[in-house]
Amino acid sequence: MNFDDSNYRKIVICLVAVILLGIGFWMLKRRHPELFLGEPDLIVDEQQEADGTRTPAATSSPTTDGESTTVSQHLQQESVDGRIDINTATLEEFESLPGIGPAIAERIIYYRNVNGKFDIVEDLTEVSGIGDKTIEKLRHRIVAR
């Protein structure tokens, strides 16, 4: 093969461009994951947080049925039986579960944001990377409320 061939150069330039574009998206996703996950469920006004004047409405997170649950109510629900509610769990809560890393935790939250709440724990198998074996390992630690 002749390295001075113009088609060879075009192919190499295209491959380098694709690789650089992929690296750019990867870096963007690592530095700003909120661009890929959508709007957060909990928004606190920065001025209210600085003043310490947060209202209960500012600390509530909307649910799919129109009700709102405050952060303290959410924590109380979890502490009752020690299981994590997969319909309200945060990224950190998912990552604390065995076999769930950051990528799968993001997929679970993305799936929940797009498709709505999980009716039963087994609905997690719809998320890429979670199978029946993972569900069996997590069954005693999670709940769908």
Protein backbone atom coordinates (compact mmCIF):
# COMPACT_ATOMS: atom_id res chain seq x y z
CA MET A 1 0.00 0.00 0.00
CA ASN A 2 1.30 3.40 -0.91
CA PHE A 3 1.26 5.80 2.06
CA ASP A 4 1.00 8.79 -0.29
CA ASP A 5 -2.33 7.57 -1.60
CA SER A 6 -4.97 10.34 -1.15
CA ASN A 7 -7.68 7.85 -0.16
CA TYR A 8 -5.47 6.48 2.61
CA ARG A 9 -4.95 10.01 3.94
CA LYS A 10 -8.68 10.71 3.87
CA ILE A 11 -9.40 7.53 5.82
CA VAL A 12 -6.77 8.31 8.45
CA ILE A 13 -8.04 11.90 8.81
CA CYS A 14 -11.63 10.65 9.23
CA LEU A 15 -10.59 8.09 11.86
CA VAL A 16 -8.62 10.67 13.81
CA ALA A 17 -11.58 13.08 13.65
CA VAL A 18 -13.99 10.40 14.93
CA ILE A 19 -11.63 9.49 17.77
CA LEU A 20 -11.20 13.15 18.78
CA LEU A 21 -14.96 13.71 18.63
CA GLY A 22 -15.52 10.65 20.83
CA ILE A 23 -12.96 11.83 23.36
CA GLY A 24 -14.61 15.25 23.39
CA PHE A 25 -18.05 13.78 24.17
CA TRP A 26 -16.57 11.49 26.81
CA MET A 27 -14.87 14.43 28.54
CA LEU A 28 -18.03 16.52 28.33
CA LYS A 29 -20.08 13.72 29.89
CA ARG A 30 -17.54 13.23 32.69
CA ARG A 31 -17.38 16.94 33.55
CA HIS A 32 -21.06 17.83 33.03
CA PRO A 33 -23.24 14.70 33.46
CA GLU A 34 -26.31 16.87 34.02
CA LEU A 35 -26.31 17.63 30.29
CA PHE A 36 -27.03 13.96 29.60
CA LEU A 37 -29.37 13.17 32.54
CA GLY A 38 -31.93 15.95 32.23
CA GLU A 39 -33.27 18.26 34.91
CA PRO A 40 -32.60 17.41 38.56
CA ASP A 41 -35.53 16.49 40.81
CA LEU A 42 -34.34 18.72 43.65
CA ILE A 43 -33.52 22.36 42.99
CA VAL A 44 -32.43 24.73 45.74
CA ASP A 45 -32.04 28.41 45.03
CA GLU A 46 -28.38 29.32 45.64
CA GLN A 47 -29.37 32.57 47.39
CA GLN A 48 -31.71 30.71 49.77
CA GLU A 49 -29.00 28.20 50.57
CA ALA A 50 -26.47 30.97 51.26
CA ASP A 51 -28.95 32.82 53.51
CA GLY A 52 -30.10 29.63 55.23
CA THR A 53 -33.72 30.56 54.41
CA ARG A 54 -34.73 27.44 52.53
CA THR A 55 -38.45 26.84 52.57
CA PRO A 56 -40.08 23.40 52.67
CA ALA A 57 -41.10 23.92 49.04
CA ALA A 58 -37.45 24.41 48.11
CA THR A 59 -36.50 21.10 49.71
CA SER A 60 -39.25 19.02 48.19
CA SER A 61 -38.90 16.78 45.20
CA PRO A 62 -41.82 16.16 42.86
CA THR A 63 -43.12 12.66 42.36
CA THR A 64 -44.92 11.25 39.36
CA ASP A 65 -48.33 11.29 41.04
CA GLY A 66 -48.30 15.03 41.75
CA GLU A 67 -47.44 14.79 45.44
CA SER A 68 -44.24 16.18 46.89
CA THR A 69 -42.01 14.53 49.44
CA THR A 70 -39.61 16.53 51.56
CA VAL A 71 -36.06 15.33 51.99
CA SER A 72 -36.66 14.53 55.66
CA GLN A 73 -39.75 12.45 54.80
CA HIS A 74 -37.70 10.61 52.18
CA LEU A 75 -35.02 9.80 54.75
CA GLN A 76 -37.65 8.70 57.29
CA GLN A 77 -39.19 6.32 54.74
CA GLU A 78 -35.83 4.70 54.12
CA SER A 79 -34.95 4.37 57.79
CA VAL A 80 -38.17 2.50 58.60
CA ASP A 81 -37.10 -0.72 56.93
CA GLY A 82 -33.57 0.16 55.79
CA ARG A 83 -34.33 -0.47 52.12
CA ILE A 84 -33.74 2.06 49.35
CA ASP A 85 -36.75 3.17 47.31
CA ILE A 86 -35.74 2.83 43.67
CA ASN A 87 -38.30 5.47 42.67
CA THR A 88 -36.66 8.22 44.74
CA ALA A 89 -33.06 7.04 45.25
CA THR A 90 -30.19 9.32 44.36
CA LEU A 91 -27.11 8.44 42.34
CA GLU A 92 -25.10 7.96 45.54
CA GLU A 93 -27.73 5.66 47.04
CA PHE A 94 -27.71 3.45 43.95
CA GLU A 95 -23.91 3.34 43.94
CA SER A 96 -23.97 2.12 47.56
CA LEU A 97 -25.72 -1.06 46.42
CA PRO A 98 -23.60 -4.14 45.63
CA GLY A 99 -22.99 -4.60 41.91
CA ILE A 100 -24.21 -1.11 40.98
CA GLY A 101 -21.54 1.25 39.74
CA PRO A 102 -21.79 4.84 38.51
CA ALA A 103 -22.72 3.88 34.94
CA ILE A 104 -25.58 1.57 35.93
CA ALA A 105 -26.78 4.05 38.56
CA GLU A 106 -26.98 6.74 35.87
CA ARG A 107 -28.87 4.34 33.58
CA ILE A 108 -31.40 3.56 36.32
CA ILE A 109 -32.06 7.25 37.00
CA TYR A 110 -32.25 8.04 33.28
CA TYR A 111 -34.70 5.17 32.71
CA ARG A 112 -36.80 6.35 35.68
CA ASN A 113 -36.85 9.95 34.38
CA VAL A 114 -37.87 8.88 30.88
CA ASN A 115 -40.34 6.07 31.67
CA GLY A 116 -41.72 7.06 35.07
CA LYS A 117 -41.61 5.22 38.36
CA PHE A 118 -40.96 1.51 38.76
CA ASP A 119 -44.07 -0.44 39.77
CA ILE A 120 -42.16 -3.44 41.11
CA VAL A 121 -38.50 -4.22 41.82
CA GLU A 122 -38.37 -6.60 38.83
CA ASP A 123 -38.94 -3.62 36.51
CA LEU A 124 -35.25 -2.83 37.02
CA THR A 125 -34.44 -5.61 34.55
CA GLU A 126 -35.59 -3.21 31.82
CA VAL A 127 -32.44 -1.16 32.53
CA SER A 128 -29.44 -2.21 30.47
CA GLY A 129 -26.88 -4.02 32.63
CA ILE A 130 -29.32 -5.34 35.25
CA GLY A 131 -30.45 -8.93 35.08
CA ASP A 132 -32.28 -11.41 37.27
CA LYS A 133 -29.13 -12.30 39.23
CA THR A 134 -28.55 -8.66 40.13
CA ILE A 135 -32.18 -8.30 41.23
CA GLU A 136 -31.82 -11.33 43.52
CA LYS A 137 -28.69 -9.83 45.11
CA LEU A 138 -30.47 -6.51 45.69
CA ARG A 139 -33.95 -7.74 46.64
CA HIS A 140 -33.41 -7.38 50.40
CA ARG A 141 -31.94 -3.85 50.00
CA ILE A 142 -34.41 -2.19 47.60
CA VAL A 143 -38.13 -1.51 47.34
CA ALA A 144 -40.47 0.11 44.78
CA ARG A 145 -42.92 2.38 46.62
